[in-house]
Amino acid sequence: MMPVVALAADRVGWEERRLIAAAPAAGLRLEWVNDEALCLGDPSLPSLAGYDALLVRSRSYTRGGLIATLAESAGLPTMNTSRAIDTCQNKAALRAVLRSAGIPVPDFRLVLSRTDFERCLRELPLPLVLKPVFGGMGRRVTLVRHADTAASVYDYVEDLGHAFEQACLVEPYLGADSVRALVAGDSLLGAVEFTAGAGEWRTNAALGNRCRPLADDPELRKILDGVVTALGPGFYGVDLFRSADGYVVNEVNHAPAFRALAMATGTDAATAVARRVREAVR
């Protein structure tokens, strides 16, 4: 009998449709379950009853890790694991894990107060990037170009942020080009280079930035192998910058979008992921 895998997400987008369509050829069936309506508990997880595994595609930076944790506690195989999701969705924790594993990351400071922020301005050269510890898709990421406007920028964090939303990272601005690599299991599916468009300094597929395929690069593969070793095999979108000393890992996305990469490289990412999920079920 063909295994049935729950695909937990808040909506069915382009990537989810491709994953569902590719699943039968990989020997399984994927069914969307709304991650906002699972009402999970202990011990039987009735809303996930009958599923053989769980593929977590939650875009929320709180729901994914919680759902994976409870599913794993009930013995349901998950991709990605709760540990990997929790690490990826916390930028400070991710950088600590990667740095401890010898994987290069950008210089950064954890900012929890205005005092922290003011110290960053003294220690790091402008321009600087201010970004939330929890969040994605380029939202609430701010480029601080001038010291005389920095205090006003931080006003928005201090006055409008709530609790953990006030936790930020500050790091040097590393330019308008970035690399996105897609990994399934422990295999590199493809990599592209993004260039920010006119009037935009952020490089992010969600912002419609242009991208081109990236040739095979042994240095990149070595770093990605280290990321997989640190987080465990899974499905990741790894975002990197080039520095004077080589690649640095900026972020790792636990539920990556892959439309831009697939179209630029011709990679059938959905089939590759479905096959990895099938192996996990075995």
Protein backbone atom coordinates (compact mmCIF):
# COMPACT_ATOMS: atom_id res chain seq x y z
CA MET A 1 0.00 0.00 0.00
CA MET A 2 1.28 3.47 -0.91
CA PRO A 3 2.36 5.44 2.19
CA VAL A 4 0.38 8.60 2.90
CA VAL A 5 2.31 11.63 4.14
CA ALA A 6 0.81 14.76 5.68
CA LEU A 7 2.10 18.03 4.24
CA ALA A 8 1.64 20.60 6.99
CA ALA A 9 1.38 24.17 5.72
CA ASP A 10 -0.81 27.22 6.15
CA ARG A 11 -1.71 27.20 2.45
CA VAL A 12 -1.05 25.32 -0.79
CA GLY A 13 1.30 27.40 -2.90
CA TRP A 14 3.32 26.70 -6.04
CA GLU A 15 5.84 24.51 -4.20
CA GLU A 16 3.20 22.50 -2.37
CA ARG A 17 1.31 21.80 -5.59
CA ARG A 18 4.51 20.53 -7.22
CA LEU A 19 5.31 18.33 -4.24
CA ILE A 20 1.82 16.80 -4.21
CA ALA A 21 1.97 16.16 -7.97
CA ALA A 22 5.45 14.58 -7.80
CA ALA A 23 4.69 12.26 -4.87
CA PRO A 24 3.02 9.30 -6.69
CA ALA A 25 6.04 8.75 -8.94
CA ALA A 26 8.15 8.51 -5.79
CA GLY A 27 5.83 5.88 -4.32
CA LEU A 28 3.77 7.89 -1.85
CA ARG A 29 0.79 10.20 -1.55
CA LEU A 30 1.02 13.69 -0.09
CA GLU A 31 -2.04 15.30 1.46
CA TRP A 32 -2.20 18.89 2.63
CA VAL A 33 -3.16 19.46 6.26
CA ASN A 34 -3.73 22.99 7.52
CA ASP A 35 -1.10 23.74 10.16
CA GLU A 36 -3.49 26.22 11.77
CA ALA A 37 -6.16 23.58 12.49
CA LEU A 38 -4.36 20.47 13.76
CA CYS A 39 -5.06 20.94 17.49
CA LEU A 40 -2.35 18.44 18.36
CA GLY A 41 -2.14 16.84 21.78
CA ASP A 42 -1.03 13.72 23.57
CA PRO A 43 -0.83 10.86 22.97
CA SER A 44 -2.61 9.84 19.75
CA LEU A 45 -2.52 12.97 17.57
CA PRO A 46 -5.97 12.25 16.10
CA SER A 47 -5.69 14.92 13.41
CA LEU A 48 -2.61 13.12 12.02
CA ALA A 49 -4.00 9.60 12.46
CA GLY A 50 -3.47 7.40 9.42
CA TYR A 51 -0.43 9.25 8.14
CA ASP A 52 2.92 7.48 7.78
CA ALA A 53 5.09 10.60 7.98
CA LEU A 54 4.94 14.37 8.15
CA LEU A 55 6.50 16.91 5.78
CA VAL A 56 6.59 20.27 7.54
CA ARG A 57 6.17 23.29 5.25
CA SER A 58 4.89 25.76 7.84
CA ARG A 59 5.85 29.32 6.95
CA SER A 60 5.16 30.42 10.51
CA TYR A 61 8.28 30.76 12.66
CA THR A 62 6.40 29.27 15.62
CA ARG A 63 4.08 26.55 14.29
CA GLY A 64 6.54 24.37 12.38
CA GLY A 65 8.80 23.44 15.26
CA LEU A 66 5.90 22.85 17.65
CA ILE A 67 4.09 20.58 15.21
CA ALA A 68 7.24 18.59 14.44
CA THR A 69 8.03 18.19 18.16
CA LEU A 70 4.64 16.69 18.97
CA ALA A 71 4.63 14.50 15.86
CA GLU A 72 8.04 13.07 16.71
CA SER A 73 6.98 12.41 20.28
CA ALA A 74 4.19 10.24 18.89
CA GLY A 75 6.65 8.30 16.71
CA LEU A 76 5.73 9.93 13.40
CA PRO A 77 8.78 10.49 11.14
CA THR A 78 9.13 14.17 10.25
CA MET A 79 11.00 16.12 7.63
CA ASN A 80 12.54 18.36 8.73
CA THR A 81 13.16 17.29 12.30
CA SER A 82 11.97 19.48 15.15
CA ARG A 83 15.59 20.19 16.13
CA ALA A 84 16.44 21.37 12.63
CA ILE A 85 13.31 23.53 12.38
CA ASP A 86 13.82 25.11 15.80
CA THR A 87 17.43 25.90 14.93
CA CYS A 88 16.66 27.33 11.48
CA GLN A 89 13.86 29.62 12.63
CA ASN A 90 16.07 31.21 15.32
CA LYS A 91 18.83 33.08 13.49
CA ALA A 92 20.96 33.52 16.61
CA ALA A 93 20.75 29.81 17.50
CA LEU A 94 21.47 28.80 13.91
CA ARG A 95 24.62 30.88 13.76
CA ALA A 96 25.79 29.51 17.10
CA VAL A 97 25.31 25.93 15.88
CA LEU A 98 27.02 26.56 12.54
CA ARG A 99 29.91 28.49 14.08
CA SER A 100 30.48 25.72 16.62
CA ALA A 101 30.66 23.28 13.70
CA GLY A 102 33.33 25.38 11.99
CA ILE A 103 31.00 26.73 9.30
CA PRO A 104 31.66 30.39 8.44
CA VAL A 105 28.88 32.88 9.25
CA PRO A 106 28.82 36.69 9.00
CA ASP A 107 30.08 38.81 11.85
CA PHE A 108 27.04 39.79 13.93
CA ARG A 109 25.80 41.08 17.26
CA LEU A 110 22.69 40.04 19.18
CA VAL A 111 20.67 43.15 20.00
CA LEU A 112 18.21 42.92 22.90
CA SER A 113 18.11 46.59 23.89
CA ARG A 114 18.91 50.11 22.75
CA THR A 115 22.15 49.85 24.72
CA ASP A 116 23.14 46.84 22.60
CA PHE A 117 22.22 48.69 19.42
CA GLU A 118 24.23 51.77 20.32
CA ARG A 119 27.24 49.61 21.10
CA CYS A 120 26.91 47.94 17.67
CA LEU A 121 27.11 51.35 16.04
CA ARG A 122 30.40 51.96 17.83
CA GLU A 123 31.90 48.54 17.09
CA LEU A 124 30.80 47.84 13.51
CA PRO A 125 31.25 50.03 10.42
CA LEU A 126 28.23 51.35 8.54
CA PRO A 127 26.23 50.36 6.58
CA LEU A 128 24.68 47.75 8.87
CA VAL A 129 21.74 45.38 8.50
CA LEU A 130 19.21 45.15 11.32
CA LYS A 131 17.07 42.00 11.17
CA PRO A 132 14.72 40.13 13.51
CA VAL A 133 15.98 36.92 15.11
CA PHE A 134 12.62 35.34 14.24
CA GLY A 135 11.21 35.99 10.78
CA GLY A 136 11.77 35.43 7.10
CA MET A 137 11.12 36.42 3.48
CA GLY A 138 13.08 39.63 3.94
CA ARG A 139 10.44 41.20 6.17
CA ARG A 140 11.44 43.76 8.81
CA VAL A 141 15.03 43.69 7.56
CA THR A 142 16.45 47.21 7.52
CA LEU A 143 19.60 48.72 6.04
CA VAL A 144 21.08 51.35 8.35
CA ARG A 145 23.21 53.60 6.17
CA HIS A 146 23.68 56.68 8.34
CA ALA A 147 24.44 57.11 12.04
CA ASP A 148 22.12 60.11 12.34
CA THR A 149 19.05 58.03 11.40
CA ALA A 150 20.00 54.87 13.31
CA ALA A 151 18.27 55.88 16.55
CA SER A 152 15.01 56.56 14.70
CA VAL A 153 15.21 53.18 13.00
CA TYR A 154 15.53 51.45 16.36
CA ASP A 155 12.51 53.37 17.66
CA TYR A 156 10.32 51.13 15.53
CA VAL A 157 11.82 47.97 17.04
CA GLU A 158 11.49 49.31 20.58
CA ASP A 159 8.00 50.81 20.27
CA LEU A 160 6.24 48.36 17.91
CA GLY A 161 7.95 45.03 18.68
CA HIS A 162 6.55 42.70 21.33
CA ALA A 163 8.65 40.35 23.49
CA PHE A 164 10.75 38.12 21.21
CA GLU A 165 10.00 40.38 18.22
CA GLN A 166 12.43 42.88 19.77
CA ALA A 167 15.31 40.39 19.56
CA CYS A 168 17.43 41.39 16.55
CA LEU A 169 20.75 40.76 14.88
CA VAL A 170 22.98 43.50 13.56
CA GLU A 171 25.58 42.63 10.94
CA PRO A 172 27.69 44.33 8.26
CA TYR A 173 26.02 44.78 4.88
CA LEU A 174 27.66 42.27 2.54
CA GLY A 175 26.35 43.52 -0.78
CA ALA A 176 23.53 43.15 -3.27
CA ASP A 177 24.39 39.62 -4.44
CA SER A 178 23.67 36.38 -2.60
CA VAL A 179 23.60 32.63 -3.27
CA ARG A 180 20.71 30.26 -2.60
CA ALA A 181 21.45 26.53 -2.55
CA LEU A 182 18.77 23.84 -2.26
CA VAL A 183 19.56 20.63 -0.39
CA ALA A 184 17.43 17.48 -0.09
CA GLY A 185 18.67 14.76 2.23
CA ASP A 186 22.41 15.29 1.92
CA SER A 187 22.43 16.12 -1.80
CA LEU A 188 22.79 19.51 -3.47
CA LEU A 189 19.91 19.98 -5.93
CA GLY A 190 21.15 23.25 -7.38
CA ALA A 191 22.34 26.74 -6.62
CA VAL A 192 21.59 30.19 -8.01
CA GLU A 193 22.96 33.68 -7.52
CA PHE A 194 20.49 36.47 -6.78
CA THR A 195 21.06 40.11 -7.66
CA ALA A 196 18.93 42.85 -6.13
CA GLY A 197 16.83 44.81 -8.61
CA ALA A 198 16.74 48.55 -9.11
CA GLY A 199 15.83 50.41 -5.94
CA GLU A 200 16.17 47.26 -3.81
CA TRP A 201 19.12 46.21 -1.65
CA ARG A 202 17.73 42.91 -0.35
CA THR A 203 18.36 39.70 -2.29
CA ASN A 204 15.41 37.39 -1.81
CA ALA A 205 13.30 35.31 -4.19
CA ALA A 206 10.14 36.47 -2.43
CA LEU A 207 10.98 40.02 -3.55
CA GLY A 208 11.19 39.04 -7.21
CA ASN A 209 14.96 39.45 -7.53
CA ARG A 210 16.72 38.15 -10.63
CA CYS A 211 18.76 34.96 -10.40
CA ARG A 212 21.09 32.90 -12.57
CA PRO A 213 22.35 29.32 -12.21
CA LEU A 214 25.61 28.90 -10.36
CA ALA A 215 28.28 26.53 -11.63
CA ASP A 216 29.41 23.65 -9.44
CA ASP A 217 31.74 24.95 -6.74
CA PRO A 218 33.72 22.60 -4.47
CA GLU A 219 33.94 25.26 -1.74
CA LEU A 220 30.17 25.65 -1.74
CA ARG A 221 29.64 21.88 -1.59
CA LYS A 222 32.01 21.61 1.37
CA ILE A 223 30.08 24.25 3.31
CA LEU A 224 26.73 22.66 2.48
CA ASP A 225 28.02 19.26 3.64
CA GLY A 226 28.88 20.95 6.92
CA VAL A 227 25.40 22.45 7.21
CA VAL A 228 23.79 19.03 6.70
CA THR A 229 26.14 17.47 9.25
CA ALA A 230 25.25 20.17 11.79
CA LEU A 231 21.46 20.07 11.25
CA GLY A 232 20.92 16.52 10.03
CA PRO A 233 19.70 15.44 6.57
CA GLY A 234 16.56 17.29 5.48
CA PHE A 235 15.17 19.77 2.99
CA TYR A 236 16.87 23.16 3.26
CA GLY A 237 17.32 26.39 1.41
CA VAL A 238 20.76 27.69 2.36
CA ASP A 239 21.42 31.40 1.82
CA LEU A 240 25.02 32.53 1.56
CA PHE A 241 27.07 35.64 0.86
CA ARG A 242 30.54 35.89 -0.59
CA SER A 243 33.09 37.61 1.61
CA ALA A 244 36.77 38.38 1.15
CA ASP A 245 37.52 35.02 2.80
CA GLY A 246 34.94 32.95 0.88
CA TYR A 247 31.31 31.96 1.46
CA VAL A 248 29.51 32.69 4.72
CA VAL A 249 26.15 31.14 5.59
CA ASN A 250 23.57 33.84 6.25
CA GLU A 251 20.44 31.77 6.88
CA VAL A 252 19.04 28.26 6.48
CA ASN A 253 15.35 27.98 5.60
CA HIS A 254 13.50 24.92 6.88
CA ALA A 255 10.55 25.33 4.46
CA PRO A 256 12.28 26.86 1.45
CA ALA A 257 10.60 28.28 -1.60
CA PHE A 258 12.19 26.77 -4.70
CA ARG A 259 10.25 28.11 -7.66
CA ALA A 260 12.92 30.60 -8.78
CA LEU A 261 15.73 28.06 -8.42
CA ALA A 262 13.80 25.32 -10.23
CA MET A 263 12.98 27.61 -13.15
CA ALA A 264 16.53 28.95 -13.40
CA THR A 265 18.29 25.57 -13.20
CA GLY A 266 15.69 23.13 -14.54
CA THR A 267 16.05 21.09 -11.35
CA ASP A 268 13.09 18.87 -10.49
CA ALA A 269 13.28 19.72 -6.81
CA ALA A 270 9.80 18.42 -6.01
CA THR A 271 10.60 14.88 -7.18
CA ALA A 272 13.91 14.87 -5.31
CA VAL A 273 12.20 15.91 -2.09
CA ALA A 274 9.40 13.37 -2.54
CA ARG A 275 11.99 10.61 -2.92
CA ARG A 276 13.73 11.70 0.27
CA VAL A 277 10.43 11.63 2.14
CA ARG A 278 9.77 8.13 0.78
CA GLU A 279 13.15 6.97 2.10
CA ALA A 280 12.32 8.41 5.52
CA VAL A 281 9.08 6.41 5.59
CA ARG A 282 11.03 3.22 4.95
